[in-house]
Amino acid sequence: MKIDIQSARNILRAKNFYLAATQYQELISADPTNYILYLELSSALMGLQKFDEALVVVKQIEHIESSFKDEVQLQKGNIYLAQGRFLESIQILQGLIPGPCEDRARTPLSGAYIGLGLPSKAIALFLDLAREKLSIGDANNLAISLCERMETPEALEILGDRIVINNYDQSTISNLLMLSNYEAEPGKYIQIAKVGIRKISKKIRPQKLSQSKNSLPKIGFVSGDMNQHPVGWFSLGLLRELSKNYSISIYYTGHKTDQLTNELISIVSGFSFVESLTDGDLINQIQSDKIDVLIDLSGHTANSRISIFNQRIAPIQLSYLGYFASTHALQMDGVIFDEWHLHNVSDDFFSEAIYKLPCSRFCYTPPPYVPQLNPLPAIANGSITFCSFSSTSKINNECIEMWSKTLMAIPHSRIQLRWKTLRDHQLRNHIRELFLSYGVTNSRVELYADCDHESLFHFYNEADIALDTYPFSGATTSCEALWMGLPVITRTGITPASNQSASILHEINLGECVTNSIDGFVEQAKRLSNDLDKLSHLRTTMRKRISNSPLGDPKFFSVHFSKLIEDIYLKLK
């Protein structure tokens, strides 16, 4: 078959990256001075997640004088961004603004600022740009940046307005649904997203699948987070136990790999890296594996492939763990939650059937690098130290009001906040101003930028009590604080996201730490702060408390989970 440039470009456009890379390599061998081929080859290699190889290809033409020198730098900046080398990406992409590549450099540059924890710099890139001129990537990154800078309402308005303009783009819809979880009453934005999903559905013809004849279901999990990510830690114990009795396949839509990834590969029946596959190819692979129950673990979060669940891929399709609300995907049969997650949540919140575990839907596996516990700091300090190590996306004015009233009610207390965006000076100043407006001086508020995960655990040894965020409560942060011996005080709401910590706390018989108002939150903090003996006892017994419950016992949890899956399988197959 004759290979020509247009054929290779068509294949690249169709996202058949392996074939495209092969063809570009042959074209370069035949015409090594056609430098545009190197750029296009690097794009195919990026599609295959071969970022190091893509960078090598680009560097071969980096110093060649050509009319597309800016294009080479743009590609290099994009590769650095994909590798998580944010500073290097910024250094390159900044040099392209202003310039002929400015419109295409803005999205990756804003993404690099977000990755580094500088949302204000990302937002500044769009200040002089009319909203109607925002690309899809621009609009998504602007919304994410606004949310991280505690301006969620504006972020949601932008995305809500952009859905029609963006021709019902799935990423815009997913971002709107994801960011709506940061609102106490997200109904308006959910309705906008659902209209967009219905528009998408008109292009899809759902297919019927033959009924399974297996006595035990073959279970598949689709996730972009099969690494040292909250979803990875929460799923590790469960998948290890399930794999003893079931055929388990994982379809990994991300590209980061680490020791946890390797452990999962060794546990399950099949582990496929599928990020470079088109939706159609991914669907074909899952169907060829004859999966009976397909479970999505990503929802509308990063690296998600929720779009495939607008089609019928497996006889039973469920949402679990990595997403904290309804996916509203057209062919999603059900969501897996628990009673406490759904407390005060209307059934109308969900488009799917609701299936309830008899325990919290979380099963926590602590990382191997968790340190030993230190004695309660308040005993040596003579005062209470609160902490919250959650994303600033989860913090808003009402949350800081709640924390401030807590600090003001407990003399000499202070609070530590840690997140990568706290290196953003505008955001830091805004947070300090909010605390000051409620009478809390700067000396009582400690703001620290992000650190590595292992170090984060050591900082819990400096605190006595963890304060949860509202209305998007913690899950990973709550489990980590509890494992380090800190009780977590939480306030519930009317969405599943607002009840995550409540589910965890009720599972380990700490329902006393669950409130439904600011006043209740403050009173619970006062009660605990005035009882150092109880705080010390909780600190030394918390790990045992967790390990003796389904929250910390994968064998115990998997009994409940597997029974639920089998019940659903027998009911729906």
Protein backbone atom coordinates (compact mmCIF):
# COMPACT_ATOMS: atom_id res chain seq x y z
CA MET A 1 0.00 0.00 0.00
CA LYS A 2 1.34 3.38 -1.00
CA ILE A 3 1.83 5.75 1.93
CA ASP A 4 1.36 9.47 1.38
CA ILE A 5 1.20 12.46 3.70
CA GLN A 6 -2.54 13.00 3.34
CA SER A 7 -3.26 9.39 4.17
CA ALA A 8 -1.12 9.63 7.32
CA ARG A 9 -2.87 12.84 8.32
CA ASN A 10 -6.30 11.29 7.88
CA ILE A 11 -5.26 8.36 10.06
CA LEU A 12 -3.88 10.74 12.70
CA ARG A 13 -7.13 12.75 12.61
CA ALA A 14 -9.06 9.50 13.16
CA LYS A 15 -6.90 8.90 16.27
CA ASN A 16 -5.42 5.67 14.97
CA PHE A 17 -2.16 6.72 16.58
CA TYR A 18 -0.20 3.50 16.19
CA LEU A 19 -0.79 3.26 12.43
CA ALA A 20 -0.21 7.00 12.04
CA ALA A 21 3.14 6.80 13.87
CA THR A 22 4.21 3.87 11.70
CA GLN A 23 3.34 5.73 8.50
CA TYR A 24 5.05 8.96 9.57
CA GLN A 25 8.23 7.05 10.40
CA GLU A 26 8.25 5.60 6.88
CA LEU A 27 7.56 9.01 5.35
CA ILE A 28 10.46 10.57 7.29
CA SER A 29 12.79 7.78 6.17
CA ALA A 30 11.91 8.63 2.58
CA ASP A 31 12.01 12.42 3.05
CA PRO A 32 14.14 13.30 6.11
CA THR A 33 14.19 17.07 5.41
CA ASN A 34 10.41 17.44 5.37
CA TYR A 35 10.37 18.77 8.90
CA ILE A 36 6.61 19.13 9.25
CA LEU A 37 6.49 15.31 9.30
CA TYR A 38 8.45 15.32 12.55
CA LEU A 39 5.83 17.50 14.22
CA GLU A 40 3.03 15.25 13.05
CA LEU A 41 4.92 12.13 14.14
CA SER A 42 5.34 13.64 17.60
CA SER A 43 1.57 14.22 17.74
CA ALA A 44 0.95 10.56 16.97
CA LEU A 45 3.44 9.54 19.67
CA MET A 46 1.71 11.84 22.15
CA GLY A 47 -1.57 10.12 21.28
CA LEU A 48 0.13 6.85 22.23
CA GLN A 49 1.25 8.44 25.55
CA LYS A 50 4.88 8.07 24.43
CA PHE A 51 5.84 11.53 25.59
CA ASP A 52 9.57 10.92 25.91
CA GLU A 53 9.73 9.63 22.34
CA ALA A 54 7.63 12.57 21.12
CA LEU A 55 10.07 14.96 22.78
CA VAL A 56 13.07 13.27 21.14
CA VAL A 57 11.42 13.70 17.73
CA VAL A 58 10.68 17.38 18.31
CA LYS A 59 14.21 18.09 19.55
CA GLN A 60 15.57 16.78 16.27
CA ILE A 61 14.13 19.83 14.51
CA GLU A 62 14.18 22.35 17.36
CA HIS A 63 17.27 24.22 16.13
CA ILE A 64 16.48 24.09 12.43
CA GLU A 65 15.56 27.48 11.00
CA SER A 66 12.11 27.17 9.53
CA SER A 67 8.85 29.02 9.05
CA PHE A 68 7.20 26.89 11.70
CA LYS A 69 9.66 27.42 14.53
CA ASP A 70 6.85 28.62 16.81
CA GLU A 71 4.95 25.43 16.01
CA VAL A 72 7.92 23.41 17.23
CA GLN A 73 8.02 25.35 20.49
CA LEU A 74 4.26 24.95 20.92
CA GLN A 75 4.58 21.21 20.51
CA LYS A 76 7.45 21.08 22.97
CA GLY A 77 5.42 23.06 25.51
CA ASN A 78 2.48 20.68 25.05
CA ILE A 79 4.71 17.67 25.65
CA TYR A 80 6.17 19.16 28.82
CA LEU A 81 2.61 19.84 30.03
CA ALA A 82 1.60 16.22 29.37
CA GLN A 83 4.65 15.07 31.33
CA GLY A 84 3.72 17.25 34.29
CA ARG A 85 6.80 19.44 33.77
CA PHE A 86 4.79 22.59 34.38
CA LEU A 87 7.59 25.12 34.89
CA GLU A 88 9.35 24.09 31.69
CA SER A 89 6.06 24.18 29.81
CA ILE A 90 5.33 27.70 31.10
CA GLN A 91 8.78 28.98 30.14
CA ILE A 92 8.23 27.91 26.53
CA LEU A 93 4.54 28.77 26.10
CA GLN A 94 4.89 32.25 27.62
CA GLY A 95 7.23 33.11 24.74
CA LEU A 96 4.46 32.39 22.22
CA ILE A 97 2.10 35.06 23.61
CA PRO A 98 1.63 37.35 21.78
CA GLY A 99 2.39 35.69 18.46
CA PRO A 100 0.91 33.66 15.61
CA CYS A 101 0.39 30.62 17.90
CA GLU A 102 -1.17 32.64 20.71
CA ASP A 103 -4.69 31.21 20.39
CA ARG A 104 -3.38 27.64 20.57
CA ALA A 105 -0.77 28.35 23.26
CA ARG A 106 -3.27 29.89 25.68
CA THR A 107 -5.04 26.67 26.61
CA PRO A 108 -1.90 24.63 27.44
CA LEU A 109 -0.30 27.61 29.19
CA SER A 110 -3.35 28.04 31.41
CA GLY A 111 -3.27 24.27 32.02
CA ALA A 112 0.35 24.51 33.15
CA TYR A 113 -0.52 27.35 35.54
CA ILE A 114 -3.35 25.22 36.96
CA GLY A 115 -0.99 22.27 37.36
CA LEU A 116 1.47 24.45 39.24
CA GLY A 117 -1.23 25.81 41.53
CA LEU A 118 -1.45 29.36 40.13
CA PRO A 119 -5.10 29.87 39.12
CA SER A 120 -4.81 33.68 39.15
CA LYS A 121 -2.15 33.55 36.43
CA ALA A 122 -4.35 31.23 34.38
CA ILE A 123 -7.32 33.58 34.75
CA ALA A 124 -5.19 36.59 33.72
CA LEU A 125 -4.63 35.00 30.29
CA PHE A 126 -8.35 35.42 29.53
CA LEU A 127 -9.05 38.87 30.99
CA ASP A 128 -8.79 40.73 27.68
CA LEU A 129 -10.48 38.01 25.66
CA ALA A 130 -14.18 38.23 24.84
CA ARG A 131 -16.04 35.25 26.29
CA GLU A 132 -17.45 34.27 22.89
CA LYS A 133 -13.89 33.88 21.58
CA LEU A 134 -12.90 31.31 24.18
CA SER A 135 -12.02 27.92 22.74
CA ILE A 136 -13.41 24.81 24.40
CA GLY A 137 -10.11 24.29 26.20
CA ASP A 138 -9.96 27.95 27.22
CA ALA A 139 -13.46 27.89 28.72
CA ASN A 140 -12.80 24.68 30.65
CA ASN A 141 -9.49 25.91 32.06
CA LEU A 142 -10.93 29.31 32.96
CA ALA A 143 -13.78 27.63 34.83
CA ILE A 144 -11.42 25.28 36.69
CA SER A 145 -9.18 28.21 37.63
CA LEU A 146 -12.11 30.27 38.91
CA CYS A 147 -13.30 27.34 41.00
CA GLU A 148 -9.83 26.86 42.52
CA ARG A 149 -9.83 30.58 43.33
CA MET A 150 -13.12 30.17 45.22
CA GLU A 151 -15.24 31.75 42.46
CA THR A 152 -17.38 28.72 41.63
CA PRO A 153 -20.62 30.59 40.74
CA GLU A 154 -18.86 32.48 37.94
CA ALA A 155 -17.21 29.27 36.73
CA LEU A 156 -20.58 27.54 36.49
CA GLU A 157 -22.16 30.49 34.65
CA ILE A 158 -19.38 30.40 32.04
CA LEU A 159 -19.77 26.67 31.43
CA GLY A 160 -23.56 26.85 31.41
CA ASP A 161 -23.44 29.57 28.75
CA ARG A 162 -20.81 27.72 26.71
CA ILE A 163 -22.56 24.36 26.28
CA VAL A 164 -24.66 25.48 23.31
CA ILE A 165 -21.83 27.59 21.85
CA ASN A 166 -19.50 24.58 22.11
CA ASN A 167 -22.02 22.44 20.21
CA TYR A 168 -22.75 20.27 23.25
CA ASP A 169 -19.12 19.28 23.72
CA GLN A 170 -18.80 16.40 26.21
CA SER A 171 -15.86 17.96 28.09
CA THR A 172 -17.84 21.17 28.71
CA ILE A 173 -20.85 19.19 29.96
CA SER A 174 -18.63 17.05 32.19
CA ASN A 175 -16.92 20.10 33.66
CA LEU A 176 -20.26 21.71 34.42
CA LEU A 177 -21.50 18.59 36.20
CA MET A 178 -18.21 18.14 38.06
CA LEU A 179 -17.98 21.74 39.27
CA SER A 180 -21.67 21.76 40.24
CA ASN A 181 -20.70 19.52 43.18
CA TYR A 182 -19.07 22.57 44.77
CA GLU A 183 -22.47 24.27 45.05
CA ALA A 184 -24.90 23.66 47.91
CA GLU A 185 -27.87 23.68 45.50
CA PRO A 186 -26.62 22.67 42.02
CA GLY A 187 -30.00 21.86 40.43
CA LYS A 188 -29.95 24.69 37.88
CA TYR A 189 -26.64 23.60 36.37
CA ILE A 190 -27.52 19.91 36.40
CA GLN A 191 -30.60 20.67 34.30
CA ILE A 192 -28.48 22.59 31.77
CA ALA A 193 -26.06 19.65 31.51
CA LYS A 194 -28.89 17.14 31.11
CA VAL A 195 -30.25 19.09 28.14
CA GLY A 196 -26.79 18.87 26.57
CA ILE A 197 -26.60 15.12 27.16
CA ARG A 198 -30.01 14.65 25.52
CA LYS A 199 -28.73 16.56 22.49
CA ILE A 200 -25.77 14.18 22.29
CA SER A 201 -28.11 11.20 22.53
CA LYS A 202 -29.80 12.03 19.22
CA LYS A 203 -26.60 10.97 17.45
CA ILE A 204 -26.47 7.58 19.20
CA ARG A 205 -28.27 4.37 18.40
CA PRO A 206 -28.16 2.16 21.47
CA GLN A 207 -27.58 -1.49 20.67
CA LYS A 208 -28.99 -4.51 22.44
CA LEU A 209 -26.68 -7.11 23.89
CA SER A 210 -27.32 -10.80 24.37
CA GLN A 211 -27.98 -11.90 27.94
CA SER A 212 -25.08 -13.28 29.94
CA LYS A 213 -25.04 -17.01 30.65
CA ASN A 214 -22.35 -16.80 33.34
CA SER A 215 -23.29 -17.81 36.88
CA LEU A 216 -20.79 -15.29 38.24
CA PRO A 217 -20.49 -11.99 36.40
CA LYS A 218 -17.31 -10.91 34.62
CA ILE A 219 -16.68 -7.46 36.06
CA GLY A 220 -14.93 -4.61 34.27
CA PHE A 221 -13.81 -1.28 35.78
CA VAL A 222 -13.17 1.85 33.70
CA SER A 223 -10.96 4.40 35.45
CA GLY A 224 -8.44 7.15 34.77
CA ASP A 225 -6.96 6.87 38.26
CA MET A 226 -5.37 3.46 38.65
CA ASN A 227 -2.32 4.86 40.40
CA GLN A 228 -1.45 6.57 43.69
CA HIS A 229 -4.61 8.62 43.45
CA PRO A 230 -7.56 8.61 45.89
CA VAL A 231 -9.49 6.24 43.62
CA GLY A 232 -6.47 3.94 43.45
CA TRP A 233 -6.14 3.78 47.24
CA PHE A 234 -9.89 3.33 47.76
CA SER A 235 -10.16 0.54 45.17
CA LEU A 236 -6.96 -1.41 45.91
CA GLY A 237 -8.25 -3.54 48.80
CA LEU A 238 -11.61 -4.18 47.14
CA LEU A 239 -10.07 -5.25 43.82
CA ARG A 240 -7.63 -7.54 45.60
CA GLU A 241 -10.50 -9.30 47.35
CA LEU A 242 -12.85 -9.41 44.35
CA SER A 243 -10.12 -10.94 42.17
CA LYS A 244 -10.10 -14.03 44.39
CA ASN A 245 -13.58 -15.02 43.21
CA TYR A 246 -14.35 -13.06 40.03
CA SER A 247 -12.81 -12.34 36.65
CA ILE A 248 -11.81 -8.68 36.96
CA SER A 249 -10.70 -6.48 34.04
CA ILE A 250 -9.46 -2.90 34.39
CA TYR A 251 -9.57 -0.44 31.49
CA TYR A 252 -7.14 2.29 32.46
CA THR A 253 -7.88 5.58 30.71
CA GLY A 254 -4.99 7.47 32.33
CA HIS A 255 -1.26 7.21 31.69
CA LYS A 256 0.49 7.77 35.04
CA THR A 257 1.97 4.58 36.43
CA ASP A 258 3.57 3.79 39.77
CA GLN A 259 3.87 1.00 42.31
CA LEU A 260 0.12 0.94 42.94
CA THR A 261 -0.51 0.52 39.20
CA ASN A 262 1.92 -2.40 39.12
CA GLU A 263 0.22 -3.98 42.12
CA LEU A 264 -3.18 -3.76 40.43
CA ILE A 265 -1.76 -5.28 37.25
CA SER A 266 -0.55 -8.27 39.28
CA ILE A 267 -3.92 -8.68 41.01
CA VAL A 268 -6.58 -8.61 38.28
CA SER A 269 -7.32 -10.94 35.36
CA GLY A 270 -6.82 -8.25 32.76
CA PHE A 271 -5.34 -4.74 32.84
CA SER A 272 -5.50 -2.68 29.64
CA PHE A 273 -3.98 0.75 28.98
CA VAL A 274 -6.68 2.32 26.79
CA GLU A 275 -6.14 6.09 26.95
CA SER A 276 -5.03 6.24 23.32
CA LEU A 277 -8.08 4.33 22.07
CA THR A 278 -11.04 6.09 20.48
CA ASP A 279 -14.40 5.61 22.14
CA GLY A 280 -15.34 3.17 19.40
CA ASP A 281 -12.19 1.09 19.81
CA LEU A 282 -12.57 1.06 23.60
CA ILE A 283 -16.17 -0.10 23.31
CA ASN A 284 -15.12 -2.86 20.89
CA GLN A 285 -12.42 -4.06 23.29
CA ILE A 286 -14.78 -4.19 26.26
CA GLN A 287 -17.41 -6.03 24.25
CA SER A 288 -14.87 -8.51 22.92
CA ASP A 289 -13.94 -9.26 26.55
CA LYS A 290 -17.62 -10.15 27.18
CA ILE A 291 -17.90 -8.08 30.33
CA ASP A 292 -21.18 -8.63 32.19
CA VAL A 293 -21.02 -5.76 34.67
CA LEU A 294 -19.12 -2.64 33.64
CA ILE A 295 -18.41 -0.16 36.44
CA ASP A 296 -17.23 3.39 35.82
CA LEU A 297 -14.94 4.79 38.52
CA SER A 298 -14.37 8.28 37.10
CA GLY A 299 -17.69 9.94 36.35
CA HIS A 300 -17.02 13.48 35.17
CA THR A 301 -13.54 13.80 36.69
CA ALA A 302 -10.20 14.09 34.83
CA ASN A 303 -9.25 11.30 32.40
CA SER A 304 -12.85 10.12 32.37
CA ARG A 305 -14.39 8.22 29.46
CA ILE A 306 -17.95 8.72 30.66
CA SER A 307 -18.98 9.39 27.06
CA ILE A 308 -18.91 5.68 26.28
CA PHE A 309 -21.68 5.13 28.83
CA ASN A 310 -24.08 6.99 26.58
CA GLN A 311 -24.06 3.69 24.68
CA ARG A 312 -24.86 0.13 25.67
CA ILE A 313 -21.51 -1.61 26.10
CA ALA A 314 -22.29 -4.29 28.69
CA PRO A 315 -25.54 -5.85 29.93
CA ILE A 316 -25.19 -3.95 33.24
CA GLN A 317 -23.51 -0.55 33.57
CA LEU A 318 -22.92 1.09 36.95
CA SER A 319 -21.26 4.16 38.45
CA TYR A 320 -19.25 3.91 41.68
CA LEU A 321 -16.55 5.42 43.86
CA GLY A 322 -14.72 8.05 41.77
CA TYR A 323 -17.76 10.24 41.25
CA PHE A 324 -20.02 11.63 43.95
CA ALA A 325 -23.31 12.29 42.15
CA SER A 326 -25.44 11.16 39.25
CA THR A 327 -23.48 10.82 36.00
CA HIS A 328 -26.66 11.36 33.92
CA ALA A 329 -25.06 9.12 31.29
CA LEU A 330 -27.80 7.79 29.03
CA GLN A 331 -27.10 4.08 29.42
CA MET A 332 -25.95 4.05 33.04
CA ASP A 333 -28.18 1.56 34.81
CA GLY A 334 -27.39 2.42 38.41
CA VAL A 335 -25.21 4.17 40.98
CA ILE A 336 -23.75 2.56 44.10
CA PHE A 337 -24.04 4.61 47.28
CA ASP A 338 -25.01 4.04 50.92
CA GLU A 339 -27.70 5.28 53.25
CA TRP A 340 -25.67 8.11 54.78
CA HIS A 341 -24.49 9.44 51.44
CA LEU A 342 -28.14 9.77 50.46
CA HIS A 343 -29.37 11.37 53.69
CA ASN A 344 -31.58 14.36 52.74
CA VAL A 345 -30.81 13.79 49.04
CA SER A 346 -33.84 13.66 46.76
CA ASP A 347 -34.19 10.62 44.48
CA ASP A 348 -34.78 13.15 41.68
CA PHE A 349 -31.08 14.03 41.99
CA PHE A 350 -30.28 10.80 40.11
CA SER A 351 -31.00 9.71 36.55
CA GLU A 352 -29.94 6.14 37.39
CA ALA A 353 -31.39 3.54 39.72
CA ILE A 354 -29.93 3.79 43.23
CA TYR A 355 -28.28 0.75 44.80
CA LYS A 356 -27.29 0.94 48.45
CA LEU A 357 -24.49 -0.79 50.28
CA PRO A 358 -25.24 -1.64 53.92
CA CYS A 359 -22.00 0.11 54.91
CA SER A 360 -20.14 3.21 53.73
CA ARG A 361 -19.27 2.95 50.07
CA PHE A 362 -15.63 3.70 50.89
CA CYS A 363 -12.99 1.11 51.73
CA TYR A 364 -9.72 2.83 52.64
CA THR A 365 -6.23 1.42 52.21
CA PRO A 366 -3.58 3.71 53.78
CA PRO A 367 -0.33 4.12 51.85
CA PRO A 368 2.69 2.16 53.13
CA TYR A 369 4.55 5.37 53.97
CA VAL A 370 2.09 6.56 56.65
CA PRO A 371 4.11 7.60 59.75
CA GLN A 372 3.58 6.62 63.36
CA LEU A 373 1.36 8.84 65.48
CA ASN A 374 2.75 11.56 67.74
CA PRO A 375 1.07 12.46 71.05
CA LEU A 376 -1.75 15.00 70.90
CA PRO A 377 -0.10 18.37 70.06
CA ALA A 378 -2.55 20.34 72.25
CA ILE A 379 -1.02 18.81 75.38
CA ALA A 380 2.38 20.35 74.61
CA ASN A 381 1.07 23.49 72.87
CA GLY A 382 -1.58 24.41 75.38
CA SER A 383 -3.93 25.25 72.52
CA ILE A 384 -5.90 23.51 69.78
CA THR A 385 -4.61 23.27 66.21
CA PHE A 386 -7.24 22.66 63.53
CA CYS A 387 -6.41 21.66 59.99
CA SER A 388 -7.92 21.27 56.54
CA PHE A 389 -5.78 19.87 53.73
CA SER A 390 -8.49 20.02 51.06
CA SER A 391 -8.48 21.67 47.65
CA THR A 392 -9.31 25.37 47.68
CA SER A 393 -12.05 24.50 45.17
CA LYS A 394 -13.93 23.14 48.18
CA ILE A 395 -13.53 26.36 50.16
CA ASN A 396 -15.94 29.28 49.86
CA ASN A 397 -17.09 32.25 51.91
CA GLU A 398 -19.57 30.18 53.92
CA CYS A 399 -16.92 27.59 54.67
CA ILE A 400 -14.51 30.24 55.98
CA GLU A 401 -17.34 31.79 58.02
CA MET A 402 -17.88 28.37 59.62
CA TRP A 403 -14.18 27.91 60.35
CA SER A 404 -13.82 31.48 61.61
CA LYS A 405 -16.69 31.13 64.08
CA THR A 406 -15.05 27.93 65.29
CA LEU A 407 -11.73 29.68 65.86
CA MET A 408 -13.38 32.62 67.59
CA ALA A 409 -15.25 30.25 69.94
CA ILE A 410 -12.03 28.52 71.02
CA PRO A 411 -9.44 30.96 72.42
CA HIS A 412 -5.85 30.70 71.18
CA SER A 413 -6.77 28.06 68.57
CA ARG A 414 -5.33 28.22 65.06
CA ILE A 415 -5.83 26.51 61.71
CA GLN A 416 -3.46 25.06 59.10
CA LEU A 417 -4.53 24.98 55.45
CA ARG A 418 -2.44 23.11 52.87
CA TRP A 419 -3.05 22.92 49.13
CA LYS A 420 -0.97 23.67 46.04
CA THR A 421 -3.03 26.75 45.09
CA LEU A 422 -2.01 28.43 48.34
CA ARG A 423 1.17 29.49 46.56
CA ASP A 424 -1.09 31.84 44.56
CA HIS A 425 -0.62 35.24 46.23
CA GLN A 426 -3.98 36.67 45.18
CA LEU A 427 -5.78 33.65 46.58
CA ARG A 428 -3.77 33.71 49.82
CA ASN A 429 -4.60 37.39 50.33
CA HIS A 430 -8.29 36.77 49.63
CA ILE A 431 -8.45 33.95 52.19
CA ARG A 432 -6.69 36.06 54.82
CA GLU A 433 -9.07 38.96 54.17
CA LEU A 434 -12.08 36.67 54.62
CA PHE A 435 -10.78 35.36 57.95
CA LEU A 436 -10.04 38.93 59.07
CA SER A 437 -13.59 39.98 58.19
CA TYR A 438 -14.79 37.50 60.82
CA GLY A 439 -12.25 38.68 63.39
CA VAL A 440 -9.58 35.99 62.93
CA THR A 441 -6.09 37.51 62.84
CA ASN A 442 -3.42 36.39 60.37
CA SER A 443 -1.33 34.84 63.16
CA ARG A 444 -4.05 32.22 63.69
CA VAL A 445 -4.24 31.17 60.02
CA GLU A 446 -1.31 29.23 58.57
CA LEU A 447 -1.32 28.83 54.78
CA TYR A 448 1.06 26.38 53.13
CA ALA A 449 1.50 25.37 49.51
CA ASP A 450 1.28 21.75 48.45
CA CYS A 451 3.81 19.14 49.46
CA ASP A 452 4.27 15.52 48.45
CA HIS A 453 1.76 13.01 49.75
CA GLU A 454 4.12 11.33 52.18
CA SER A 455 5.07 14.62 53.83
CA LEU A 456 1.40 15.59 54.10
CA PHE A 457 0.78 12.74 56.55
CA HIS A 458 3.52 14.06 58.84
CA PHE A 459 1.77 17.43 59.05
CA TYR A 460 -1.32 15.74 60.50
CA ASN A 461 0.92 15.04 63.51
CA GLU A 462 0.93 18.82 64.11
CA ALA A 463 -2.88 19.08 64.38
CA ASP A 464 -5.54 17.98 66.86
CA ILE A 465 -8.85 18.20 64.95
CA ALA A 466 -9.68 18.28 61.23
CA LEU A 467 -12.34 20.69 59.98
CA ASP A 468 -14.25 19.55 56.91
CA THR A 469 -15.23 21.67 53.93
CA TYR A 470 -18.80 22.57 52.96
CA PRO A 471 -20.76 21.89 50.79
CA PHE A 472 -18.27 19.50 49.14
CA SER A 473 -17.03 17.39 52.03
CA GLY A 474 -13.90 15.30 52.15
CA ALA A 475 -13.40 11.63 51.40
CA THR A 476 -9.67 10.99 51.01
CA THR A 477 -8.74 13.89 53.29
CA SER A 478 -11.21 12.70 55.91
CA CYS A 479 -9.88 9.13 55.84
CA GLU A 480 -6.28 10.37 56.01
CA ALA A 481 -7.02 12.66 58.95
CA LEU A 482 -8.85 9.88 60.78
CA TRP A 483 -6.03 7.40 60.13
CA MET A 484 -3.67 9.93 61.68
CA GLY A 485 -5.88 10.02 64.78
CA LEU A 486 -7.76 13.28 64.18
CA PRO A 487 -11.54 13.42 64.54
CA VAL A 488 -13.18 15.18 61.58
CA ILE A 489 -16.04 17.61 62.14
CA THR A 490 -18.38 17.78 59.16
CA ARG A 491 -21.54 19.59 58.13
CA THR A 492 -24.02 17.81 55.87
CA GLY A 493 -26.17 19.15 53.05
CA ILE A 494 -28.60 17.98 50.36
CA THR A 495 -26.15 16.47 47.88
CA PRO A 496 -24.15 13.23 48.08
CA ALA A 497 -20.91 15.25 47.92
CA SER A 498 -21.90 17.07 51.11
CA ASN A 499 -22.39 13.76 52.92
CA GLN A 500 -19.15 11.93 52.13
CA SER A 501 -17.50 12.53 55.50
CA ALA A 502 -20.77 11.79 57.29
CA SER A 503 -20.84 8.34 55.67
CA ILE A 504 -17.27 7.67 56.83
CA LEU A 505 -17.84 8.94 60.37
CA HIS A 506 -21.05 6.98 60.90
CA GLU A 507 -19.26 3.83 59.72
CA ILE A 508 -16.77 4.13 62.61
CA ASN A 509 -19.36 5.23 65.19
CA LEU A 510 -18.35 8.89 65.24
CA GLY A 511 -21.76 10.23 64.27
CA GLU A 512 -21.37 12.80 67.04
CA CYS A 513 -18.99 14.68 64.71
CA VAL A 514 -21.72 15.08 62.07
CA THR A 515 -23.75 18.31 62.13
CA ASN A 516 -26.18 20.07 59.80
CA SER A 517 -25.52 23.71 60.68
CA ILE A 518 -22.76 26.20 61.39
CA ASP A 519 -23.85 26.46 65.03
CA GLY A 520 -23.74 22.67 65.41
CA PHE A 521 -20.30 22.61 63.77
CA VAL A 522 -18.96 25.18 66.23
CA GLU A 523 -20.48 23.44 69.26
CA GLN A 524 -18.97 20.10 68.30
CA ALA A 525 -15.53 21.74 67.89
CA LYS A 526 -15.89 23.35 71.34
CA ARG A 527 -16.91 20.05 72.95
CA LEU A 528 -13.92 18.17 71.54
CA SER A 529 -11.48 21.01 72.22
CA ASN A 530 -12.47 21.05 75.89
CA ASP A 531 -11.87 17.32 76.31
CA LEU A 532 -8.19 16.58 75.70
CA ASP A 533 -8.50 13.16 77.30
CA LYS A 534 -11.07 12.17 74.69
CA LEU A 535 -8.96 13.63 71.86
CA SER A 536 -5.94 11.66 73.09
CA HIS A 537 -7.99 8.46 73.36
CA LEU A 538 -9.38 8.92 69.84
CA ARG A 539 -5.89 9.55 68.55
CA THR A 540 -4.51 6.28 69.88
CA THR A 541 -7.53 4.11 69.06
CA MET A 542 -8.68 5.50 65.70
CA ARG A 543 -6.73 3.09 63.51
CA LYS A 544 -8.17 0.12 65.36
CA ARG A 545 -11.64 1.63 65.08
CA ILE A 546 -11.22 1.95 61.28
CA SER A 547 -9.63 -1.48 60.81
CA ASN A 548 -12.48 -3.17 62.66
CA SER A 549 -15.07 -1.77 60.23
CA PRO A 550 -15.74 -2.26 56.50
CA LEU A 551 -14.10 1.14 56.02
CA GLY A 552 -10.70 -0.36 56.81
CA ASP A 553 -11.29 -4.09 56.26
CA PRO A 554 -11.36 -5.01 52.54
CA LYS A 555 -12.50 -8.58 53.25
CA PHE A 556 -15.44 -7.33 55.28
CA PHE A 557 -16.28 -4.66 52.70
CA SER A 558 -15.98 -6.96 49.68
CA VAL A 559 -18.60 -9.32 51.14
CA HIS A 560 -21.12 -6.48 51.06
CA PHE A 561 -19.97 -5.22 47.66
CA SER A 562 -19.95 -8.60 45.89
CA LYS A 563 -23.39 -9.48 47.27
CA LEU A 564 -24.78 -6.20 45.94
CA ILE A 565 -23.23 -6.77 42.51
CA GLU A 566 -24.60 -10.31 42.33
CA ASP A 567 -28.05 -9.11 43.38
CA ILE A 568 -28.00 -6.46 40.64
CA TYR A 569 -26.71 -9.03 38.14
CA LEU A 570 -29.48 -11.53 38.91
CA LYS A 571 -32.09 -8.78 38.80
CA LEU A 572 -31.04 -7.12 35.54
CA LYS A 573 -29.39 -9.81 33.43
